[in-house]
Amino acid sequence: MNKAFNWPKLGEDDLSRPKDLPANRGWKIFTADPIAAPAVIKYPKRNRQLTIEYSSEDSMAAYWGIWINTGGWCGHKHFALEPTTGRFDDLEPAVADHSVGRIPPLSKRSWT
């Protein structure tokens, strides 16, 4: 589904609080705009945070991808945040909306 929403609420679900989400489900979401700033994951009870940054020497656009799983995928529970060169989990829609990263033959791209 390609439907815009305002973070962190997706319907009744507050995606900023994974432990409070319904059990046995999964969410894969992608930012609509390319990465322009670091992402910060905060653990207030532990007084910790994780900052993730993305940069590309070749100016290859990337988007934040977030995968939250409360048991819907093989019973596992996890939270993942990563840069991705397309706004969908499937290549075909990313090609269709022109968000997919493209690398010409015999070329390379670098990012950190």
PDB file of N, CA and C in Angstrom:
ATOM      1  N   MET A   1       0.847  -1.170   0.000  1.00  0.00           N
ATOM      2  CA  MET A   1       0.000   0.000   0.000  1.00  0.00           C
ATOM      3  C   MET A   1       0.899   1.241   0.000  1.00  0.00           C
ATOM      4  N   ASN A   2       0.593   2.180  -0.833  1.00  0.00           N
ATOM      5  CA  ASN A   2       1.334   3.430  -0.921  1.00  0.00           C
ATOM      6  C   ASN A   2       0.422   4.553  -0.464  1.00  0.00           C
ATOM      7  N   LYS A   3       0.367   4.743   0.845  1.00  0.00           N
ATOM      8  CA  LYS A   3      -0.528   5.738   1.407  1.00  0.00           C
ATOM      9  C   LYS A   3       0.256   6.614   2.377  1.00  0.00           C
ATOM     10  N   ALA A   4       0.210   7.919   2.164  1.00  0.00           N
ATOM     11  CA  ALA A   4       0.922   8.847   3.039  1.00  0.00           C
ATOM     12  C   ALA A   4       0.258   8.911   4.414  1.00  0.00           C
ATOM     13  N   PHE A   5       1.066   9.164   5.446  1.00  0.00           N
ATOM     14  CA  PHE A   5       0.558   9.365   6.794  1.00  0.00           C
ATOM     15  C   PHE A   5       1.541  10.269   7.525  1.00  0.00           C
ATOM     16  N   ASN A   6       1.100  10.822   8.632  1.00  0.00           N
ATOM     17  CA  ASN A   6       1.956  11.683   9.443  1.00  0.00           C
ATOM     18  C   ASN A   6       2.568  10.866  10.573  1.00  0.00           C
ATOM     19  N   TRP A   7       3.895  10.754  10.554  1.00  0.00           N
ATOM     20  CA  TRP A   7       4.623  10.025  11.596  1.00  0.00           C
ATOM     21  C   TRP A   7       4.289  10.637  12.939  1.00  0.00           C
ATOM     22  N   PRO A   8       4.066   9.874  13.977  1.00  0.00           N
ATOM     23  CA  PRO A   8       4.229   8.437  14.073  1.00  0.00           C
ATOM     24  C   PRO A   8       2.920   7.657  13.985  1.00  0.00           C
ATOM     25  N   LYS A   9       1.797   8.338  13.753  1.00  0.00           N
ATOM     26  CA  LYS A   9       0.499   7.660  13.765  1.00  0.00           C
ATOM     27  C   LYS A   9       0.131   7.101  12.397  1.00  0.00           C
ATOM     28  N   LEU A  10      -0.111   5.805  12.346  1.00  0.00           N
ATOM     29  CA  LEU A  10      -0.628   5.133  11.160  1.00  0.00           C
ATOM     30  C   LEU A  10      -1.965   4.541  11.580  1.00  0.00           C
ATOM     31  N   GLY A  11      -3.030   5.277  11.317  1.00  0.00           N
ATOM     32  CA  GLY A  11      -4.338   4.888  11.845  1.00  0.00           C
ATOM     33  C   GLY A  11      -4.308   4.998  13.360  1.00  0.00           C
ATOM     34  N   GLU A  12      -4.660   3.907  14.032  1.00  0.00           N
ATOM     35  CA  GLU A  12      -4.636   3.879  15.499  1.00  0.00           C
ATOM     36  C   GLU A  12      -3.272   3.487  16.053  1.00  0.00           C
ATOM     37  N   ASP A  13      -2.365   3.040  15.198  1.00  0.00           N
ATOM     38  CA  ASP A  13      -1.055   2.548  15.636  1.00  0.00           C
ATOM     39  C   ASP A  13      -0.054   3.687  15.771  1.00  0.00           C
ATOM     40  N   ASP A  14       0.644   3.733  16.915  1.00  0.00           N
ATOM     41  CA  ASP A  14       1.717   4.698  17.140  1.00  0.00           C
ATOM     42  C   ASP A  14       3.037   3.977  16.885  1.00  0.00           C
ATOM     43  N   LEU A  15       3.602   4.194  15.708  1.00  0.00           N
ATOM     44  CA  LEU A  15       4.809   3.473  15.301  1.00  0.00           C
ATOM     45  C   LEU A  15       6.049   3.885  16.092  1.00  0.00           C
ATOM     46  N   SER A  16       5.981   4.978  16.831  1.00  0.00           N
ATOM     47  CA  SER A  16       7.127   5.399  17.638  1.00  0.00           C
ATOM     48  C   SER A  16       7.231   4.599  18.930  1.00  0.00           C
ATOM     49  N   ARG A  17       6.265   3.738  19.196  1.00  0.00           N
ATOM     50  CA  ARG A  17       6.264   2.903  20.403  1.00  0.00           C
ATOM     51  C   ARG A  17       6.038   1.440  20.021  1.00  0.00           C
ATOM     52  N   PRO A  18       7.057   0.812  19.431  1.00  0.00           N
ATOM     53  CA  PRO A  18       6.890  -0.566  18.940  1.00  0.00           C
ATOM     54  C   PRO A  18       6.382  -1.559  19.981  1.00  0.00           C
ATOM     55  N   LYS A  19       6.788  -1.395  21.238  1.00  0.00           N
ATOM     56  CA  LYS A  19       6.355  -2.370  22.254  1.00  0.00           C
ATOM     57  C   LYS A  19       4.862  -2.300  22.532  1.00  0.00           C
ATOM     58  N   ASP A  20       4.213  -1.185  22.161  1.00  0.00           N
ATOM     59  CA  ASP A  20       2.776  -1.024  22.392  1.00  0.00           C
ATOM     60  C   ASP A  20       1.937  -1.383  21.166  1.00  0.00           C
ATOM     61  N   LEU A  21       2.566  -1.798  20.084  1.00  0.00           N
ATOM     62  CA  LEU A  21       1.828  -2.143  18.857  1.00  0.00           C
ATOM     63  C   LEU A  21       1.166  -3.506  18.978  1.00  0.00           C
ATOM     64  N   PRO A  22       0.118  -3.758  18.205  1.00  0.00           N
ATOM     65  CA  PRO A  22      -0.551  -5.064  18.248  1.00  0.00           C
ATOM     66  C   PRO A  22       0.420  -6.211  17.933  1.00  0.00           C
ATOM     67  N   ALA A  23       0.221  -7.329  18.600  1.00  0.00           N
ATOM     68  CA  ALA A  23       1.077  -8.508  18.411  1.00  0.00           C
ATOM     69  C   ALA A  23       0.827  -9.159  17.053  1.00  0.00           C
ATOM     70  N   ASN A  24       1.831  -9.899  16.600  1.00  0.00           N
ATOM     71  CA  ASN A  24       1.759 -10.726  15.388  1.00  0.00           C
ATOM     72  C   ASN A  24       1.446  -9.927  14.124  1.00  0.00           C
ATOM     73  N   ARG A  25       2.047  -8.763  14.023  1.00  0.00           N
ATOM     74  CA  ARG A  25       1.882  -7.924  12.835  1.00  0.00           C
ATOM     75  C   ARG A  25       3.240  -7.406  12.390  1.00  0.00           C
ATOM     76  N   GLY A  26       3.254  -6.749  11.247  1.00  0.00           N
ATOM     77  CA  GLY A  26       4.486  -6.155  10.745  1.00  0.00           C
ATOM     78  C   GLY A  26       4.180  -4.918   9.917  1.00  0.00           C
ATOM     79  N   TRP A  27       5.099  -3.963   9.949  1.00  0.00           N
ATOM     80  CA  TRP A  27       4.965  -2.716   9.201  1.00  0.00           C
ATOM     81  C   TRP A  27       6.275  -2.453   8.473  1.00  0.00           C
ATOM     82  N   LYS A  28       6.206  -2.156   7.193  1.00  0.00           N
ATOM     83  CA  LYS A  28       7.356  -1.701   6.421  1.00  0.00           C
ATOM     84  C   LYS A  28       6.961  -0.356   5.837  1.00  0.00           C
ATOM     85  N   ILE A  29       7.672   0.672   6.253  1.00  0.00           N
ATOM     86  CA  ILE A  29       7.335   2.010   5.793  1.00  0.00           C
ATOM     87  C   ILE A  29       8.594   2.686   5.261  1.00  0.00           C
ATOM     88  N   PHE A  30       8.391   3.648   4.374  1.00  0.00           N
ATOM     89  CA  PHE A  30       9.494   4.348   3.730  1.00  0.00           C
ATOM     90  C   PHE A  30       9.170   5.835   3.698  1.00  0.00           C
ATOM     91  N   THR A  31      10.197   6.665   3.838  1.00  0.00           N
ATOM     92  CA  THR A  31       9.959   8.101   3.747  1.00  0.00           C
ATOM     93  C   THR A  31       9.597   8.475   2.316  1.00  0.00           C
ATOM     94  N   ALA A  32       8.783   9.510   2.174  1.00  0.00           N
ATOM     95  CA  ALA A  32       8.383   9.979   0.851  1.00  0.00           C
ATOM     96  C   ALA A  32       9.485  10.799   0.199  1.00  0.00           C
ATOM     97  N   ASP A  33      10.259  11.496   1.008  1.00  0.00           N
ATOM     98  CA  ASP A  33      11.327  12.352   0.497  1.00  0.00           C
ATOM     99  C   ASP A  33      12.685  11.726   0.772  1.00  0.00           C
ATOM    100  N   PRO A  34      13.680  12.039  -0.061  1.00  0.00           N
ATOM    101  CA  PRO A  34      15.037  11.520   0.180  1.00  0.00           C
ATOM    102  C   PRO A  34      15.573  11.967   1.539  1.00  0.00           C
ATOM    103  N   ILE A  35      16.526  11.231   2.044  1.00  0.00           N
ATOM    104  CA  ILE A  35      17.156  11.529   3.334  1.00  0.00           C
ATOM    105  C   ILE A  35      17.816  12.907   3.268  1.00  0.00           C
ATOM    106  N   ALA A  36      17.462  13.757   4.239  1.00  0.00           N
ATOM    107  CA  ALA A  36      18.040  15.099   4.308  1.00  0.00           C
ATOM    108  C   ALA A  36      18.698  15.358   5.661  1.00  0.00           C
ATOM    109  N   ALA A  37      18.473  14.447   6.616  1.00  0.00           N
ATOM    110  CA  ALA A  37      19.009  14.629   7.967  1.00  0.00           C
ATOM    111  C   ALA A  37      19.159  13.260   8.622  1.00  0.00           C
ATOM    112  N   PRO A  38      19.984  13.185   9.660  1.00  0.00           N
ATOM    113  CA  PRO A  38      20.118  11.919  10.377  1.00  0.00           C
ATOM    114  C   PRO A  38      18.801  11.484  11.016  1.00  0.00           C
ATOM    115  N   ALA A  39      18.669  10.199  11.243  1.00  0.00           N
ATOM    116  CA  ALA A  39      17.540   9.649  11.994  1.00  0.00           C
ATOM    117  C   ALA A  39      18.039   9.343  13.403  1.00  0.00           C
ATOM    118  N   VAL A  40      17.196   9.570  14.383  1.00  0.00           N
ATOM    119  CA  VAL A  40      17.570   9.343  15.775  1.00  0.00           C
ATOM    120  C   VAL A  40      16.554   8.400  16.408  1.00  0.00           C
ATOM    121  N   ILE A  41      17.055   7.328  16.991  1.00  0.00           N
ATOM    122  CA  ILE A  41      16.224   6.389  17.743  1.00  0.00           C
ATOM    123  C   ILE A  41      16.549   6.635  19.213  1.00  0.00           C
ATOM    124  N   LYS A  42      15.526   6.937  20.006  1.00  0.00           N
ATOM    125  CA  LYS A  42      15.742   7.276  21.411  1.00  0.00           C
ATOM    126  C   LYS A  42      15.224   6.168  22.321  1.00  0.00           C
ATOM    127  N   TYR A  43      16.000   5.909  23.365  1.00  0.00           N
ATOM    128  CA  TYR A  43      15.633   4.974  24.427  1.00  0.00           C
ATOM    129  C   TYR A  43      15.595   5.776  25.733  1.00  0.00           C
ATOM    130  N   PRO A  44      14.510   6.518  25.990  1.00  0.00           N
ATOM    131  CA  PRO A  44      14.492   7.419  27.148  1.00  0.00           C
ATOM    132  C   PRO A  44      14.668   6.726  28.495  1.00  0.00           C
ATOM    133  N   LYS A  45      14.120   5.531  28.668  1.00  0.00           N
ATOM    134  CA  LYS A  45      14.256   4.845  29.959  1.00  0.00           C
ATOM    135  C   LYS A  45      15.699   4.451  30.243  1.00  0.00           C
ATOM    136  N   ARG A  46      16.478   4.241  29.199  1.00  0.00           N
ATOM    137  CA  ARG A  46      17.887   3.871  29.350  1.00  0.00           C
ATOM    138  C   ARG A  46      18.812   5.075  29.170  1.00  0.00           C
ATOM    139  N   ASN A  47      18.217   6.240  28.906  1.00  0.00           N
ATOM    140  CA  ASN A  47      18.980   7.455  28.657  1.00  0.00           C
ATOM    141  C   ASN A  47      20.015   7.243  27.540  1.00  0.00           C
ATOM    142  N   ARG A  48      19.561   6.606  26.451  1.00  0.00           N
ATOM    143  CA  ARG A  48      20.438   6.327  25.307  1.00  0.00           C
ATOM    144  C   ARG A  48      19.731   6.719  24.025  1.00  0.00           C
ATOM    145  N   GLN A  49      20.551   6.923  23.000  1.00  0.00           N
ATOM    146  CA  GLN A  49      19.997   7.154  21.671  1.00  0.00           C
ATOM    147  C   GLN A  49      21.003   6.699  20.626  1.00  0.00           C
ATOM    148  N   LEU A  50      20.484   6.403  19.457  1.00  0.00           N
ATOM    149  CA  LEU A  50      21.297   5.972  18.326  1.00  0.00           C
ATOM    150  C   LEU A  50      21.005   6.920  17.172  1.00  0.00           C
ATOM    151  N   THR A  51      22.050   7.506  16.593  1.00  0.00           N
ATOM    152  CA  THR A  51      21.902   8.391  15.448  1.00  0.00           C
ATOM    153  C   THR A  51      22.464   7.684  14.221  1.00  0.00           C
ATOM    154  N   ILE A  52      21.680   7.649  13.161  1.00  0.00           N
ATOM    155  CA  ILE A  52      22.102   7.012  11.912  1.00  0.00           C
ATOM    156  C   ILE A  52      22.117   8.077  10.826  1.00  0.00           C
ATOM    157  N   GLU A  53      23.244   8.172  10.120  1.00  0.00           N
ATOM    158  CA  GLU A  53      23.389   9.156   9.055  1.00  0.00           C
ATOM    159  C   GLU A  53      23.648   8.454   7.732  1.00  0.00           C
ATOM    160  N   TYR A  54      23.361   9.145   6.637  1.00  0.00           N
ATOM    161  CA  TYR A  54      23.608   8.621   5.294  1.00  0.00           C
ATOM    162  C   TYR A  54      24.220   9.737   4.459  1.00  0.00           C
ATOM    163  N   SER A  55      25.255   9.408   3.723  1.00  0.00           N
ATOM    164  CA  SER A  55      25.801  10.343   2.737  1.00  0.00           C
ATOM    165  C   SER A  55      26.335   9.537   1.560  1.00  0.00           C
ATOM    166  N   SER A  56      26.322  10.183   0.394  1.00  0.00           N
ATOM    167  CA  SER A  56      26.775   9.526  -0.825  1.00  0.00           C
ATOM    168  C   SER A  56      27.703  10.460  -1.584  1.00  0.00           C
ATOM    169  N   GLU A  57      28.886   9.960  -1.931  1.00  0.00           N
ATOM    170  CA  GLU A  57      29.826  10.751  -2.725  1.00  0.00           C
ATOM    171  C   GLU A  57      29.248  11.052  -4.103  1.00  0.00           C
ATOM    172  N   ASP A  58      28.381  10.186  -4.582  1.00  0.00           N
ATOM    173  CA  ASP A  58      27.804  10.304  -5.925  1.00  0.00           C
ATOM    174  C   ASP A  58      26.441  10.989  -5.926  1.00  0.00           C
ATOM    175  N   SER A  59      26.007  11.491  -4.787  1.00  0.00           N
ATOM    176  CA  SER A  59      24.695  12.127  -4.646  1.00  0.00           C
ATOM    177  C   SER A  59      23.544  11.178  -4.978  1.00  0.00           C
ATOM    178  N   MET A  60      23.742   9.884  -4.717  1.00  0.00           N
ATOM    179  CA  MET A  60      22.645   8.930  -4.918  1.00  0.00           C
ATOM    180  C   MET A  60      21.622   9.124  -3.812  1.00  0.00           C
ATOM    181  N   ALA A  61      20.406   9.427  -4.205  1.00  0.00           N
ATOM    182  CA  ALA A  61      19.342   9.638  -3.224  1.00  0.00           C
ATOM    183  C   ALA A  61      19.026   8.324  -2.508  1.00  0.00           C
ATOM    184  N   ALA A  62      18.680   8.439  -1.246  1.00  0.00           N
ATOM    185  CA  ALA A  62      18.238   7.290  -0.460  1.00  0.00           C
ATOM    186  C   ALA A  62      17.077   7.751   0.410  1.00  0.00           C
ATOM    187  N   TYR A  63      16.323   6.801   0.889  1.00  0.00           N
ATOM    188  CA  TYR A  63      15.144   7.052   1.705  1.00  0.00           C
ATOM    189  C   TYR A  63      15.289   6.242   2.982  1.00  0.00           C
ATOM    190  N   TRP A  64      14.668   6.686   4.066  1.00  0.00           N
ATOM    191  CA  TRP A  64      14.664   5.873   5.276  1.00  0.00           C
ATOM    192  C   TRP A  64      13.622   4.777   5.129  1.00  0.00           C
ATOM    193  N   GLY A  65      14.025   3.562   5.411  1.00  0.00           N
ATOM    194  CA  GLY A  65      13.125   2.427   5.468  1.00  0.00           C
ATOM    195  C   GLY A  65      13.034   1.956   6.906  1.00  0.00           C
ATOM    196  N   ILE A  66      11.834   1.714   7.380  1.00  0.00           N
ATOM    197  CA  ILE A  66      11.622   1.254   8.756  1.00  0.00           C
ATOM    198  C   ILE A  66      10.808  -0.026   8.713  1.00  0.00           C
ATOM    199  N   TRP A  67      11.307  -1.034   9.406  1.00  0.00           N
ATOM    200  CA  TRP A  67      10.613  -2.306   9.491  1.00  0.00           C
ATOM    201  C   TRP A  67      10.370  -2.609  10.962  1.00  0.00           C
ATOM    202  N   ILE A  68       9.105  -2.684  11.328  1.00  0.00           N
ATOM    203  CA  ILE A  68       8.711  -3.020  12.693  1.00  0.00           C
ATOM    204  C   ILE A  68       7.950  -4.335  12.630  1.00  0.00           C
ATOM    205  N   ASN A  69       8.382  -5.297  13.404  1.00  0.00           N
ATOM    206  CA  ASN A  69       7.769  -6.616  13.400  1.00  0.00           C
ATOM    207  C   ASN A  69       7.450  -7.021  14.838  1.00  0.00           C
ATOM    208  N   THR A  70       6.186  -7.287  15.110  1.00  0.00           N
ATOM    209  CA  THR A  70       5.762  -7.701  16.451  1.00  0.00           C
ATOM    210  C   THR A  70       5.356  -9.179  16.468  1.00  0.00           C
ATOM    211  N   GLY A  71       5.987  -9.953  15.607  1.00  0.00           N
ATOM    212  CA  GLY A  71       5.704 -11.382  15.546  1.00  0.00           C
ATOM    213  C   GLY A  71       5.023 -11.803  14.268  1.00  0.00           C
ATOM    214  N   GLY A  72       4.699 -10.874  13.395  1.00  0.00           N
ATOM    215  CA  GLY A  72       3.997 -11.192  12.150  1.00  0.00           C
ATOM    216  C   GLY A  72       4.854 -11.906  11.121  1.00  0.00           C
ATOM    217  N   TRP A  73       6.166 -11.848  11.265  1.00  0.00           N
ATOM    218  CA  TRP A  73       7.070 -12.534  10.343  1.00  0.00           C
ATOM    219  C   TRP A  73       7.795 -13.612  11.127  1.00  0.00           C
ATOM    220  N   CYS A  74       7.351 -14.842  10.955  1.00  0.00           N
ATOM    221  CA  CYS A  74       7.974 -16.028  11.583  1.00  0.00           C
ATOM    222  C   CYS A  74       8.059 -15.939  13.105  1.00  0.00           C
ATOM    223  N   GLY A  75       7.196 -15.161  13.725  1.00  0.00           N
ATOM    224  CA  GLY A  75       7.193 -15.061  15.185  1.00  0.00           C
ATOM    225  C   GLY A  75       8.277 -14.174  15.761  1.00  0.00           C
ATOM    226  N   HIS A  76       9.136 -13.613  14.919  1.00  0.00           N
ATOM    227  CA  HIS A  76      10.221 -12.747  15.404  1.00  0.00           C
ATOM    228  C   HIS A  76       9.687 -11.373  15.785  1.00  0.00           C
ATOM    229  N   LYS A  77      10.419 -10.693  16.641  1.00  0.00           N
ATOM    230  CA  LYS A  77      10.104  -9.318  17.016  1.00  0.00           C
ATOM    231  C   LYS A  77      11.364  -8.485  16.822  1.00  0.00           C
ATOM    232  N   HIS A  78      11.241  -7.421  16.035  1.00  0.00           N
ATOM    233  CA  HIS A  78      12.391  -6.556  15.829  1.00  0.00           C
ATOM    234  C   HIS A  78      11.986  -5.200  15.265  1.00  0.00           C
ATOM    235  N   PHE A  79      12.933  -4.292  15.312  1.00  0.00           N
ATOM    236  CA  PHE A  79      12.801  -2.947  14.769  1.00  0.00           C
ATOM    237  C   PHE A  79      14.056  -2.690  13.952  1.00  0.00           C
ATOM    238  N   ALA A  80      13.909  -2.246  12.714  1.00  0.00           N
ATOM    239  CA  ALA A  80      15.072  -1.980  11.862  1.00  0.00           C
ATOM    240  C   ALA A  80      14.894  -0.634  11.171  1.00  0.00           C
ATOM    241  N   LEU A  81      15.973   0.116  11.110  1.00  0.00           N
ATOM    242  CA  LEU A  81      15.995   1.393  10.400  1.00  0.00           C
ATOM    243  C   LEU A  81      17.192   1.352   9.468  1.00  0.00           C
ATOM    244  N   GLU A  82      16.958   1.671   8.188  1.00  0.00           N
ATOM    245  CA  GLU A  82      18.057   1.595   7.233  1.00  0.00           C
ATOM    246  C   GLU A  82      17.838   2.549   6.070  1.00  0.00           C
ATOM    247  N   PRO A  83      18.938   3.028   5.480  1.00  0.00           N
ATOM    248  CA  PRO A  83      18.793   3.765   4.233  1.00  0.00           C
ATOM    249  C   PRO A  83      18.513   2.772   3.109  1.00  0.00           C
ATOM    250  N   THR A  84      17.679   3.176   2.173  1.00  0.00           N
ATOM    251  CA  THR A  84      17.331   2.305   1.060  1.00  0.00           C
ATOM    252  C   THR A  84      17.272   3.146  -0.215  1.00  0.00           C
ATOM    253  N   THR A  85      17.674   2.571  -1.331  1.00  0.00           N
ATOM    254  CA  THR A  85      17.714   3.333  -2.582  1.00  0.00           C
ATOM    255  C   THR A  85      16.414   3.229  -3.365  1.00  0.00           C
ATOM    256  N   GLY A  86      15.346   2.846  -2.720  1.00  0.00           N
ATOM    257  CA  GLY A  86      14.011   2.828  -3.319  1.00  0.00           C
ATOM    258  C   GLY A  86      12.980   2.924  -2.220  1.00  0.00           C
ATOM    259  N   ARG A  87      11.822   3.493  -2.523  1.00  0.00           N
ATOM    260  CA  ARG A  87      10.806   3.733  -1.506  1.00  0.00           C
ATOM    261  C   ARG A  87       9.836   2.576  -1.304  1.00  0.00           C
ATOM    262  N   PHE A  88      10.146   1.430  -1.814  1.00  0.00           N
ATOM    263  CA  PHE A  88       9.242   0.289  -1.659  1.00  0.00           C
ATOM    264  C   PHE A  88      10.045  -0.962  -1.348  1.00  0.00           C
ATOM    265  N   ASP A  89       9.387  -1.944  -0.780  1.00  0.00           N
ATOM    266  CA  ASP A  89      10.019  -3.226  -0.510  1.00  0.00           C
ATOM    267  C   ASP A  89      10.147  -4.032  -1.802  1.00  0.00           C
ATOM    268  N   ASP A  90       9.363  -3.671  -2.802  1.00  0.00           N
ATOM    269  CA  ASP A  90       9.342  -4.346  -4.096  1.00  0.00           C
ATOM    270  C   ASP A  90       9.984  -3.423  -5.137  1.00  0.00           C
ATOM    271  N   LEU A  91      10.832  -3.979  -5.991  1.00  0.00           N
ATOM    272  CA  LEU A  91      11.552  -3.188  -6.979  1.00  0.00           C
ATOM    273  C   LEU A  91      10.633  -2.532  -8.010  1.00  0.00           C
ATOM    274  N   GLU A  92       9.613  -3.234  -8.450  1.00  0.00           N
ATOM    275  CA  GLU A  92       8.744  -2.723  -9.521  1.00  0.00           C
ATOM    276  C   GLU A  92       8.091  -1.369  -9.188  1.00  0.00           C
ATOM    277  N   PRO A  93       7.462  -1.191  -8.019  1.00  0.00           N
ATOM    278  CA  PRO A  93       6.895   0.124  -7.721  1.00  0.00           C
ATOM    279  C   PRO A  93       7.954   1.208  -7.540  1.00  0.00           C
ATOM    280  N   ALA A  94       9.136   0.844  -7.039  1.00  0.00           N
ATOM    281  CA  ALA A  94      10.213   1.830  -6.885  1.00  0.00           C
ATOM    282  C   ALA A  94      10.694   2.312  -8.249  1.00  0.00           C
ATOM    283  N   VAL A  95      10.745   1.420  -9.231  1.00  0.00           N
ATOM    284  CA  VAL A  95      11.088   1.815 -10.594  1.00  0.00           C
ATOM    285  C   VAL A  95       9.987   2.718 -11.149  1.00  0.00           C
ATOM    286  N   ALA A  96       8.744   2.349 -10.915  1.00  0.00           N
ATOM    287  CA  ALA A  96       7.603   3.105 -11.452  1.00  0.00           C
ATOM    288  C   ALA A  96       7.532   4.527 -10.904  1.00  0.00           C
ATOM    289  N   ASP A  97       7.895   4.728  -9.618  1.00  0.00           N
ATOM    290  CA  ASP A  97       7.816   6.087  -9.063  1.00  0.00           C
ATOM    291  C   ASP A  97       9.155   6.830  -9.128  1.00  0.00           C
ATOM    292  N   HIS A  98      10.134   6.226  -9.793  1.00  0.00           N
ATOM    293  CA  HIS A  98      11.451   6.843 -10.036  1.00  0.00           C
ATOM    294  C   HIS A  98      12.260   7.070  -8.762  1.00  0.00           C
ATOM    295  N   SER A  99      11.960   6.340  -7.693  1.00  0.00           N
ATOM    296  CA  SER A  99      12.745   6.480  -6.470  1.00  0.00           C
ATOM    297  C   SER A  99      13.901   5.484  -6.421  1.00  0.00           C
ATOM    298  N   VAL A 100      13.907   4.524  -7.302  1.00  0.00           N
ATOM    299  CA  VAL A 100      14.936   3.492  -7.278  1.00  0.00           C
ATOM    300  C   VAL A 100      16.287   4.083  -7.711  1.00  0.00           C
ATOM    301  N   GLY A 101      17.349   3.666  -7.004  1.00  0.00           N
ATOM    302  CA  GLY A 101      18.687   4.087  -7.398  1.00  0.00           C
ATOM    303  C   GLY A 101      19.108   3.361  -8.669  1.00  0.00           C
ATOM    304  N   ARG A 102      19.768   4.065  -9.549  1.00  0.00           N
ATOM    305  CA  ARG A 102      20.210   3.467 -10.811  1.00  0.00           C
ATOM    306  C   ARG A 102      21.718   3.604 -10.939  1.00  0.00           C
ATOM    307  N   ILE A 103      22.335   2.529 -11.371  1.00  0.00           N
ATOM    308  CA  ILE A 103      23.781   2.512 -11.584  1.00  0.00           C
ATOM    309  C   ILE A 103      24.030   2.036 -13.007  1.00  0.00           C
ATOM    310  N   PRO A 104      24.619   2.881 -13.851  1.00  0.00           N
ATOM    311  CA  PRO A 104      24.898   2.471 -15.234  1.00  0.00           C
ATOM    312  C   PRO A 104      25.849   1.273 -15.289  1.00  0.00           C
ATOM    313  N   PRO A 105      25.843   0.537 -16.390  1.00  0.00           N
ATOM    314  CA  PRO A 105      26.752  -0.600 -16.541  1.00  0.00           C
ATOM    315  C   PRO A 105      28.207  -0.184 -16.309  1.00  0.00           C
ATOM    316  N   LEU A 106      28.952  -1.048 -15.659  1.00  0.00           N
ATOM    317  CA  LEU A 106      30.374  -0.867 -15.364  1.00  0.00           C
ATOM    318  C   LEU A 106      30.655   0.329 -14.461  1.00  0.00           C
ATOM    319  N   SER A 107      29.641   0.797 -13.744  1.00  0.00           N
ATOM    320  CA  SER A 107      29.804   1.930 -12.826  1.00  0.00           C
ATOM    321  C   SER A 107      29.783   1.443 -11.393  1.00  0.00           C
ATOM    322  N   LYS A 108      30.053   2.352 -10.491  1.00  0.00           N
ATOM    323  CA  LYS A 108      29.975   2.032  -9.050  1.00  0.00           C
ATOM    324  C   LYS A 108      29.419   3.239  -8.311  1.00  0.00           C
ATOM    325  N   ARG A 109      28.892   2.994  -7.139  1.00  0.00           N
ATOM    326  CA  ARG A 109      28.401   4.060  -6.265  1.00  0.00           C
ATOM    327  C   ARG A 109      28.978   3.810  -4.872  1.00  0.00           C
ATOM    328  N   SER A 110      29.179   4.875  -4.154  1.00  0.00           N
ATOM    329  CA  SER A 110      29.708   4.778  -2.786  1.00  0.00           C
ATOM    330  C   SER A 110      28.816   5.551  -1.839  1.00  0.00           C
ATOM    331  N   TRP A 111      28.623   5.003  -0.658  1.00  0.00           N
ATOM    332  CA  TRP A 111      27.881   5.707   0.375  1.00  0.00           C
ATOM    333  C   TRP A 111      28.380   5.243   1.728  1.00  0.00           C
ATOM    334  N   THR A 112      28.112   6.072   2.715  1.00  0.00           N
ATOM    335  CA  THR A 112      28.482   5.738   4.091  1.00  0.00           C
ATOM    336  C   THR A 112      27.302   6.010   4.993  1.00  0.00           C
TER     337      THR A 112
END
